[in-house]
Amino acid sequence: MIYIAVLGYGTVGSGVVEVLERNKESIRRKATDEISVKYILDLREFPGDPYEDKLVHDVNLILEDPEVSIVCETMGGVGAAYQFTKLALERGKSVCTSNKELVAAHGPELLALARAHTCNYMFEASVGGGIPIIRPLNSALTAEEIESIEGILNGTTNYILTKMEKEGADFEEMLRRAQEKGYAERNPEADVEGHDACRKLAILSSLMLGKNVSVDKIHTEGISKITAADIRYAKEAGRTIKLLGISRRVGEKVQVMVAPFLVGPDNPLHAVDGVFNAVCVTGNMLGKSMYYGKGAGKLPTASAVVGDVIDCARHLGKVITCFWDEEEADYAGLEEVENRFFLRVKTGAEEAMEALFPQGKIVRFPDRKEDFGYITVSMKEKDFQERCGILGDTVCNTIRVEG
């Protein structure tokens, strides 16, 4: 019998218990032993819950119990979750987590702590919910030199942009609908301003390089400035707007960015709609491979946590290699990144646009008189920003063009 504890009995924590119970027999076969939840830690009471007898309020009961060999941290945040994770690892208890914020902020430190105490820190569920992406990077793709990672890493923003495109609605209306359906939080800033995707990209980039990529080094933009007009122009240009996280090797450096992009139909991410996530990984031998599925949700995320529990159960007393050192990556400056750009510009600035951005393409609608769209050729970010500065407030919005 392998005993585990669950820290936090919210959406994901209760999902972990449910997955372990519903798939009990198949999990026993795959783990080669029965896995049983001994404790559930939460400050709240859950009267009438079928697992009420396992509920505890003192983490020390878990830390000091030698029978507990694996801990599932589903609390979130970087306060108590960080402290409890460190304490568990120091006692040789493996920790499996869905906490992207904690992994992005302290991943290499916690991995080093796990190695020092011959246990494991696992975080498959921290990126892409139930999509397997961490384990492929750590195992199946280890023969590759990963050249780039590009993905739709946030289901909330993808849902909003998809509905804006299909219904011609503005951002605020679709955000409200996402909140009503439970896809967006009451305070949606982490999702719609790109912070959630940024944390996930930091984790993926760190695994790609084997060095630490810090969240505060990633240029991050959200989708709150995207309008129905921008969506319409993108469709007219044969593209769709997606919030992408992109990480690319540039020699010995890395370019990292989270931002909205116009994505064409030749890119497989073009077809990823609704709350789904997808990650494209390009290796120097394999080429491009894509990992697709539900990026959030109670049971998909819990399934990924339990997958890590099974892996830890198979490797009790052994360290599973994870290539993520504390050494900081070298970053390529944003100003040197090359992209094409879409601009929505007030009518009357046509001559100035063509003078500043020669060889571009104008996009118009007969029924829209107040502005027009313009897609530039590829240029460096610094050159684009300088030329936009000359145009001043005639520019209504700008979005990068992928590919």
Protein backbone atom coordinates (compact mmCIF):
# COMPACT_ATOMS: atom_id res chain seq x y z
CA MET A 1 0.00 0.00 0.00
CA ILE A 2 1.25 3.48 -0.95
CA TYR A 3 -0.24 6.29 1.11
CA ILE A 4 -0.61 9.83 -0.22
CA ALA A 5 -1.89 13.15 1.10
CA VAL A 6 -3.75 15.87 -0.77
CA LEU A 7 -3.06 19.49 0.19
CA GLY A 8 -6.09 21.59 -0.72
CA TYR A 9 -9.58 20.16 -1.28
CA GLY A 10 -10.76 22.60 -3.90
CA THR A 11 -11.52 21.92 -7.56
CA VAL A 12 -8.31 20.10 -8.46
CA GLY A 13 -7.74 18.48 -5.05
CA SER A 14 -11.21 16.94 -4.98
CA GLY A 15 -10.65 15.87 -8.59
CA VAL A 16 -7.48 14.02 -7.59
CA VAL A 17 -9.41 12.04 -4.97
CA GLU A 18 -12.17 11.33 -7.51
CA VAL A 19 -9.76 10.10 -10.20
CA LEU A 20 -7.98 7.83 -7.70
CA GLU A 21 -11.32 6.33 -6.63
CA ARG A 22 -12.97 5.97 -10.05
CA ASN A 23 -9.89 4.47 -11.73
CA LYS A 24 -8.71 2.62 -8.64
CA GLU A 25 -8.14 -0.79 -10.22
CA SER A 26 -6.34 0.41 -13.36
CA ILE A 27 -4.19 2.76 -11.25
CA ARG A 28 -3.24 -0.15 -8.97
CA ARG A 29 -2.07 -2.19 -11.98
CA LYS A 30 -0.07 0.69 -13.47
CA ALA A 31 1.50 1.70 -10.16
CA THR A 32 2.12 -1.98 -9.25
CA ASP A 33 0.66 -1.26 -5.82
CA GLU A 34 -2.54 0.14 -4.33
CA ILE A 35 -2.58 3.91 -3.81
CA SER A 36 -4.66 5.22 -0.93
CA VAL A 37 -5.43 8.77 0.23
CA LYS A 38 -4.62 8.92 3.94
CA TYR A 39 -5.04 12.66 4.55
CA ILE A 40 -6.76 15.63 2.96
CA LEU A 41 -5.52 19.00 4.24
CA ASP A 42 -7.84 22.00 4.17
CA LEU A 43 -8.81 24.81 6.52
CA ARG A 44 -12.50 24.29 5.74
CA GLU A 45 -14.93 21.66 6.95
CA PHE A 46 -16.80 19.42 4.49
CA PRO A 47 -19.72 17.93 6.44
CA GLY A 48 -21.26 14.97 4.66
CA ASP A 49 -18.38 14.55 2.22
CA PRO A 50 -17.56 10.86 1.63
CA TYR A 51 -13.93 11.55 2.56
CA GLU A 52 -14.68 13.67 5.61
CA ASP A 53 -12.87 11.18 7.85
CA LYS A 54 -9.59 11.90 6.04
CA LEU A 55 -9.79 15.68 6.52
CA VAL A 56 -7.10 17.30 8.69
CA HIS A 57 -6.19 20.93 9.40
CA ASP A 58 -2.59 20.51 10.58
CA VAL A 59 0.04 19.87 7.90
CA ASN A 60 2.40 18.43 10.54
CA LEU A 61 0.24 15.31 10.78
CA ILE A 62 1.17 14.66 7.15
CA LEU A 63 4.80 15.72 7.37
CA GLU A 64 5.49 13.60 10.43
CA ASP A 65 3.72 10.46 9.20
CA PRO A 66 6.34 8.07 7.75
CA GLU A 67 3.65 6.12 5.90
CA VAL A 68 2.91 9.07 3.58
CA SER A 69 5.37 8.91 0.70
CA ILE A 70 3.66 11.16 -1.87
CA VAL A 71 1.99 14.55 -1.43
CA CYS A 72 -0.33 16.21 -3.98
CA GLU A 73 -0.09 20.00 -3.68
CA THR A 74 -3.24 21.52 -5.19
CA MET A 75 -3.49 24.61 -2.97
CA GLY A 76 -2.18 27.20 -5.43
CA GLY A 77 -0.18 30.34 -4.70
CA VAL A 78 3.38 30.69 -3.49
CA GLY A 79 2.86 31.18 0.24
CA ALA A 80 1.83 28.15 2.28
CA ALA A 81 2.11 25.92 -0.80
CA TYR A 82 5.80 26.80 -1.13
CA GLN A 83 6.53 26.20 2.56
CA PHE A 84 4.62 22.91 2.71
CA THR A 85 6.27 21.67 -0.49
CA LYS A 86 9.75 22.40 0.87
CA LEU A 87 8.98 20.69 4.16
CA ALA A 88 7.62 17.60 2.41
CA LEU A 89 10.63 17.30 0.09
CA GLU A 90 13.04 17.74 2.99
CA ARG A 91 11.39 14.70 4.59
CA GLY A 92 11.86 12.64 1.42
CA LYS A 93 8.21 12.80 0.35
CA SER A 94 7.67 13.28 -3.38
CA VAL A 95 5.39 16.17 -4.33
CA CYS A 96 3.06 16.28 -7.36
CA THR A 97 1.54 19.66 -8.16
CA SER A 98 -0.76 21.59 -10.49
CA ASN A 99 0.55 24.92 -9.17
CA LYS A 100 2.01 26.74 -12.20
CA GLU A 101 2.74 29.89 -10.21
CA LEU A 102 4.89 28.01 -7.72
CA VAL A 103 6.66 25.91 -10.36
CA ALA A 104 7.49 28.99 -12.46
CA ALA A 105 8.80 30.89 -9.43
CA HIS A 106 10.72 28.12 -7.61
CA GLY A 107 10.96 25.13 -9.98
CA PRO A 108 14.76 24.66 -10.06
CA GLU A 109 15.08 25.17 -6.30
CA LEU A 110 12.42 22.56 -5.53
CA LEU A 111 13.84 20.11 -8.07
CA ALA A 112 17.27 20.45 -6.47
CA LEU A 113 15.74 19.89 -3.03
CA ALA A 114 14.00 16.75 -4.26
CA ARG A 115 17.26 15.38 -5.69
CA ALA A 116 19.06 16.06 -2.44
CA HIS A 117 16.50 14.00 -0.51
CA THR A 118 16.07 11.20 -3.09
CA CYS A 119 12.47 11.98 -3.97
CA ASN A 120 10.69 13.79 -6.81
CA TYR A 121 9.00 17.08 -7.62
CA MET A 122 6.51 16.49 -10.46
CA PHE A 123 4.40 19.13 -12.22
CA GLU A 124 2.79 17.72 -15.38
CA ALA A 125 -0.51 19.40 -14.47
CA SER A 126 1.05 22.87 -14.22
CA VAL A 127 0.99 23.38 -18.01
CA GLY A 128 -1.90 22.45 -20.26
CA GLY A 129 -4.09 20.74 -17.66
CA GLY A 130 -4.45 17.15 -18.82
CA ILE A 131 -2.30 17.57 -21.96
CA PRO A 132 0.91 15.54 -21.62
CA ILE A 133 3.71 18.00 -22.39
CA ILE A 134 6.11 18.07 -19.40
CA ARG A 135 6.82 14.33 -19.55
CA PRO A 136 7.44 14.31 -23.34
CA LEU A 137 9.96 17.15 -22.93
CA ASN A 138 11.69 15.24 -20.11
CA SER A 139 11.68 11.81 -21.71
CA ALA A 140 10.33 11.13 -25.20
CA LEU A 141 12.02 14.18 -26.77
CA THR A 142 15.36 14.02 -24.94
CA ALA A 143 17.20 12.98 -28.14
CA GLU A 144 16.12 16.26 -29.73
CA GLU A 145 17.60 19.72 -29.67
CA ILE A 146 14.37 21.62 -29.15
CA GLU A 147 14.47 24.66 -31.41
CA SER A 148 11.16 26.27 -30.47
CA ILE A 149 7.95 25.92 -28.50
CA GLU A 150 4.80 27.70 -29.61
CA GLY A 151 1.42 27.28 -28.01
CA ILE A 152 -2.04 28.35 -27.00
CA LEU A 153 -1.56 28.07 -23.25
CA ASN A 154 -4.72 29.60 -21.80
CA GLY A 155 -8.22 28.27 -22.42
CA THR A 156 -10.03 31.35 -21.13
CA THR A 157 -8.47 33.71 -23.66
CA ASN A 158 -8.84 31.17 -26.46
CA TYR A 159 -12.55 30.80 -25.65
CA ILE A 160 -13.04 34.59 -25.67
CA LEU A 161 -11.21 35.08 -28.98
CA THR A 162 -13.05 32.14 -30.58
CA LYS A 163 -16.46 33.53 -29.56
CA MET A 164 -15.49 37.03 -30.69
CA GLU A 165 -14.66 35.62 -34.12
CA LYS A 166 -17.74 33.45 -34.47
CA GLU A 167 -20.24 36.00 -33.12
CA GLY A 168 -18.66 39.33 -34.08
CA ALA A 169 -18.86 40.49 -30.46
CA ASP A 170 -16.55 42.76 -28.48
CA PHE A 171 -14.12 41.64 -25.80
CA GLU A 172 -16.12 42.83 -22.78
CA GLU A 173 -19.25 40.94 -23.82
CA MET A 174 -17.38 37.69 -24.36
CA LEU A 175 -15.45 38.08 -21.10
CA ARG A 176 -18.75 38.42 -19.24
CA ARG A 177 -20.05 35.27 -20.92
CA ALA A 178 -16.86 33.38 -20.06
CA GLN A 179 -17.31 34.41 -16.42
CA GLU A 180 -20.93 33.23 -16.46
CA LYS A 181 -19.83 29.82 -17.76
CA GLY A 182 -17.05 29.54 -15.18
CA TYR A 183 -14.25 29.77 -17.75
CA ALA A 184 -13.01 33.10 -16.37
CA GLU A 185 -12.47 34.22 -12.78
CA ARG A 186 -14.27 37.17 -11.24
CA ASN A 187 -10.91 38.95 -11.46
CA PRO A 188 -9.76 37.77 -14.92
CA GLU A 189 -6.50 39.73 -15.06
CA ALA A 190 -4.16 36.73 -14.84
CA ASP A 191 -5.83 35.18 -17.88
CA VAL A 192 -6.74 38.10 -20.13
CA GLU A 193 -3.49 40.05 -19.57
CA GLY A 194 -1.36 37.00 -20.36
CA HIS A 195 0.16 36.33 -16.92
CA ASP A 196 -1.12 32.73 -16.73
CA ALA A 197 0.27 31.92 -20.18
CA CYS A 198 3.54 33.63 -19.22
CA ARG A 199 4.06 31.33 -16.22
CA LYS A 200 3.39 28.26 -18.35
CA LEU A 201 5.77 29.48 -21.05
CA ALA A 202 8.47 30.05 -18.43
CA ILE A 203 8.17 26.40 -17.35
CA LEU A 204 8.23 25.04 -20.91
CA SER A 205 11.12 27.29 -21.92
CA SER A 206 13.15 26.24 -18.89
CA LEU A 207 12.68 22.58 -19.79
CA MET A 208 13.55 23.32 -23.43
CA LEU A 209 16.84 24.94 -22.44
CA GLY A 210 17.68 23.12 -19.22
CA LYS A 211 18.24 26.59 -17.74
CA ASN A 212 15.93 28.86 -15.80
CA VAL A 213 13.69 31.24 -17.73
CA SER A 214 12.22 33.83 -15.36
CA VAL A 215 8.66 35.10 -15.70
CA ASP A 216 9.80 38.72 -15.45
CA LYS A 217 12.04 38.26 -18.52
CA ILE A 218 9.13 37.30 -20.79
CA HIS A 219 7.54 40.10 -22.80
CA THR A 220 3.83 39.69 -22.02
CA GLU A 221 0.73 41.19 -23.62
CA GLY A 222 -2.89 40.13 -23.18
CA ILE A 223 -6.06 40.29 -25.27
CA SER A 224 -8.02 43.07 -23.54
CA LYS A 225 -7.26 45.54 -26.36
CA ILE A 226 -8.47 43.21 -29.13
CA THR A 227 -11.69 44.51 -30.71
CA ALA A 228 -14.38 43.06 -32.96
CA ALA A 229 -12.92 45.22 -35.74
CA ASP A 230 -9.49 43.59 -35.32
CA ILE A 231 -11.11 40.15 -35.51
CA ARG A 232 -12.96 41.13 -38.69
CA TYR A 233 -9.82 42.39 -40.39
CA ALA A 234 -7.97 39.21 -39.41
CA LYS A 235 -10.72 37.08 -40.99
CA GLU A 236 -10.59 39.17 -44.16
CA ALA A 237 -6.84 38.48 -44.30
CA GLY A 238 -7.55 34.73 -43.99
CA ARG A 239 -6.29 34.54 -40.41
CA THR A 240 -7.52 34.21 -36.85
CA ILE A 241 -6.26 35.91 -33.67
CA LYS A 242 -4.73 33.71 -30.97
CA LEU A 243 -2.85 34.51 -27.77
CA LEU A 244 0.44 32.66 -28.29
CA GLY A 245 3.34 31.82 -26.03
CA ILE A 246 6.49 31.55 -28.15
CA SER A 247 9.97 30.47 -27.14
CA ARG A 248 12.76 30.20 -29.73
CA ARG A 249 16.46 29.46 -29.57
CA VAL A 250 18.58 32.17 -31.15
CA GLY A 251 22.13 30.85 -31.07
CA GLU A 252 22.99 30.54 -27.38
CA LYS A 253 20.10 32.83 -26.39
CA VAL A 254 16.34 32.49 -26.19
CA GLN A 255 13.51 34.73 -27.41
CA VAL A 256 10.40 34.49 -25.24
CA MET A 257 7.10 36.28 -25.72
CA VAL A 258 3.39 36.04 -24.89
CA ALA A 259 1.21 38.16 -27.19
CA PRO A 260 -1.75 38.07 -29.58
CA PHE A 261 -0.87 37.02 -33.13
CA LEU A 262 -2.71 36.75 -36.43
CA VAL A 263 -2.34 33.05 -37.23
CA GLY A 264 -2.78 31.60 -40.71
CA PRO A 265 -4.39 28.27 -41.73
CA ASP A 266 -0.99 26.71 -42.46
CA ASN A 267 -0.27 26.73 -38.71
CA PRO A 268 -2.02 23.87 -36.80
CA LEU A 269 -2.77 26.28 -33.94
CA HIS A 270 -5.17 28.10 -36.29
CA ALA A 271 -7.78 25.36 -35.77
CA VAL A 272 -7.54 25.21 -31.95
CA ASP A 273 -10.81 26.75 -30.73
CA GLY A 274 -12.72 27.27 -27.51
CA VAL A 275 -11.25 26.26 -24.17
CA PHE A 276 -8.75 23.89 -25.76
CA ASN A 277 -4.98 24.35 -25.52
CA ALA A 278 -2.24 23.13 -27.83
CA VAL A 279 1.56 23.14 -27.78
CA CYS A 280 3.75 22.76 -30.88
CA VAL A 281 7.32 21.61 -30.23
CA THR A 282 9.93 21.80 -33.00
CA GLY A 283 12.97 19.55 -32.69
CA ASN A 284 16.00 19.55 -34.95
CA MET A 285 15.49 15.88 -35.90
CA LEU A 286 11.77 15.23 -35.44
CA GLY A 287 10.52 18.53 -36.79
CA LYS A 288 7.17 19.73 -35.45
CA SER A 289 4.95 17.73 -33.08
CA MET A 290 1.75 18.97 -31.46
CA TYR A 291 0.09 18.20 -28.13
CA TYR A 292 -3.62 19.09 -27.91
CA GLY A 293 -6.42 18.81 -25.37
CA LYS A 294 -8.30 20.44 -22.54
CA GLY A 295 -5.97 22.88 -20.85
CA ALA A 296 -7.91 23.20 -17.61
CA GLY A 297 -10.84 21.72 -15.72
CA LYS A 298 -11.24 19.60 -12.64
CA LEU A 299 -10.79 16.09 -14.00
CA PRO A 300 -8.31 16.73 -16.86
CA THR A 301 -5.97 18.56 -14.47
CA ALA A 302 -6.50 16.00 -11.71
CA SER A 303 -5.73 13.22 -14.19
CA ALA A 304 -2.33 14.79 -14.87
CA VAL A 305 -1.61 15.05 -11.13
CA VAL A 306 -2.52 11.38 -10.63
CA GLY A 307 -0.30 10.45 -13.58
CA ASP A 308 2.59 12.02 -11.68
CA VAL A 309 1.55 10.13 -8.52
CA ILE A 310 1.76 6.85 -10.43
CA ASP A 311 5.20 7.79 -11.77
CA CYS A 312 6.40 8.58 -8.25
CA ALA A 313 4.92 5.31 -6.95
CA ARG A 314 6.90 3.39 -9.56
CA HIS A 315 10.11 5.17 -8.56
CA LEU A 316 10.00 5.25 -4.76
CA GLY A 317 13.52 5.85 -3.47
CA LYS A 318 14.71 6.93 -6.94
CA VAL A 319 15.09 10.33 -8.60
CA ILE A 320 13.38 10.89 -11.96
CA THR A 321 15.66 13.11 -14.02
CA CYS A 322 14.38 16.58 -14.92
CA PHE A 323 16.61 18.90 -16.92
CA TRP A 324 16.10 22.32 -15.32
CA ASP A 325 19.08 23.93 -13.61
CA GLU A 326 19.13 27.11 -11.55
CA GLU A 327 21.50 28.83 -14.02
CA GLU A 328 19.68 31.73 -15.70
CA ALA A 329 19.16 31.64 -19.46
CA ASP A 330 20.61 34.26 -21.80
CA TYR A 331 17.86 36.33 -23.39
CA ALA A 332 17.67 37.84 -26.86
CA GLY A 333 16.26 41.36 -26.62
CA LEU A 334 12.75 41.96 -27.95
CA GLU A 335 14.00 44.84 -30.09
CA GLU A 336 15.88 42.38 -32.32
CA VAL A 337 12.93 40.01 -32.86
CA GLU A 338 11.58 40.04 -36.42
CA ASN A 339 7.86 39.84 -37.14
CA ARG A 340 5.26 40.98 -39.58
CA PHE A 341 2.67 43.31 -38.08
CA PHE A 342 -0.99 44.15 -38.54
CA LEU A 343 -2.03 47.75 -37.92
CA ARG A 344 -5.56 49.15 -37.75
CA VAL A 345 -5.21 52.79 -38.79
CA LYS A 346 -7.54 55.76 -39.10
CA THR A 347 -8.68 56.60 -42.60
CA GLY A 348 -6.58 59.34 -44.19
CA ALA A 349 -3.21 57.88 -43.19
CA GLU A 350 -2.83 55.69 -46.29
CA GLU A 351 0.05 57.64 -47.84
CA ALA A 352 1.93 57.83 -44.54
CA MET A 353 1.48 54.08 -44.02
CA GLU A 354 2.84 53.19 -47.44
CA ALA A 355 5.76 55.54 -46.99
CA LEU A 356 6.70 54.17 -43.57
CA PHE A 357 5.87 50.51 -44.31
CA PRO A 358 6.52 49.94 -48.04
CA GLN A 359 5.42 46.73 -49.75
CA GLY A 360 2.69 46.10 -47.20
CA LYS A 361 -0.91 45.08 -47.87
CA ILE A 362 -4.03 47.18 -47.22
CA VAL A 363 -7.20 45.41 -45.98
CA ARG A 364 -10.52 47.27 -46.33
CA PHE A 365 -14.26 46.84 -45.91
CA PRO A 366 -16.73 48.79 -48.08
CA ASP A 367 -19.01 49.43 -45.09
CA ARG A 368 -16.22 50.60 -42.76
CA LYS A 369 -15.14 54.18 -43.34
CA GLU A 370 -13.36 55.12 -40.12
CA ASP A 371 -10.27 52.92 -40.45
CA PHE A 372 -8.43 50.35 -42.55
CA GLY A 373 -6.10 47.41 -41.95
CA TYR A 374 -2.48 47.13 -43.03
CA ILE A 375 -0.09 44.15 -42.89
CA THR A 376 3.62 44.92 -43.06
CA VAL A 377 6.52 42.90 -44.36
CA SER A 378 8.87 41.35 -41.79
CA MET A 379 10.91 43.82 -39.74
CA LYS A 380 12.60 44.20 -36.39
CA GLU A 381 10.47 45.19 -33.41
CA LYS A 382 12.53 48.31 -32.76
CA ASP A 383 12.05 49.55 -36.33
CA PHE A 384 8.32 48.90 -36.16
CA GLN A 385 7.93 50.77 -32.88
CA GLU A 386 9.90 53.76 -34.19
CA ARG A 387 7.71 54.02 -37.29
CA CYS A 388 4.51 53.63 -35.25
CA GLY A 389 5.71 56.53 -33.11
CA ILE A 390 5.76 58.73 -36.20
CA LEU A 391 2.13 57.81 -36.97
CA GLY A 392 1.06 58.73 -33.43
CA ASP A 393 -2.64 58.46 -32.57
CA THR A 394 -3.64 57.58 -36.12
CA VAL A 395 -2.84 53.97 -35.11
CA CYS A 396 -5.85 52.34 -33.45
CA ASN A 397 -4.23 48.99 -32.67
CA THR A 398 -1.29 46.76 -33.61
CA ILE A 399 -1.01 42.96 -33.54
CA ARG A 400 1.87 40.74 -34.60
CA VAL A 401 1.46 38.37 -37.55
CA GLU A 402 2.71 34.80 -37.06
CA GLY A 403 4.77 33.13 -39.79
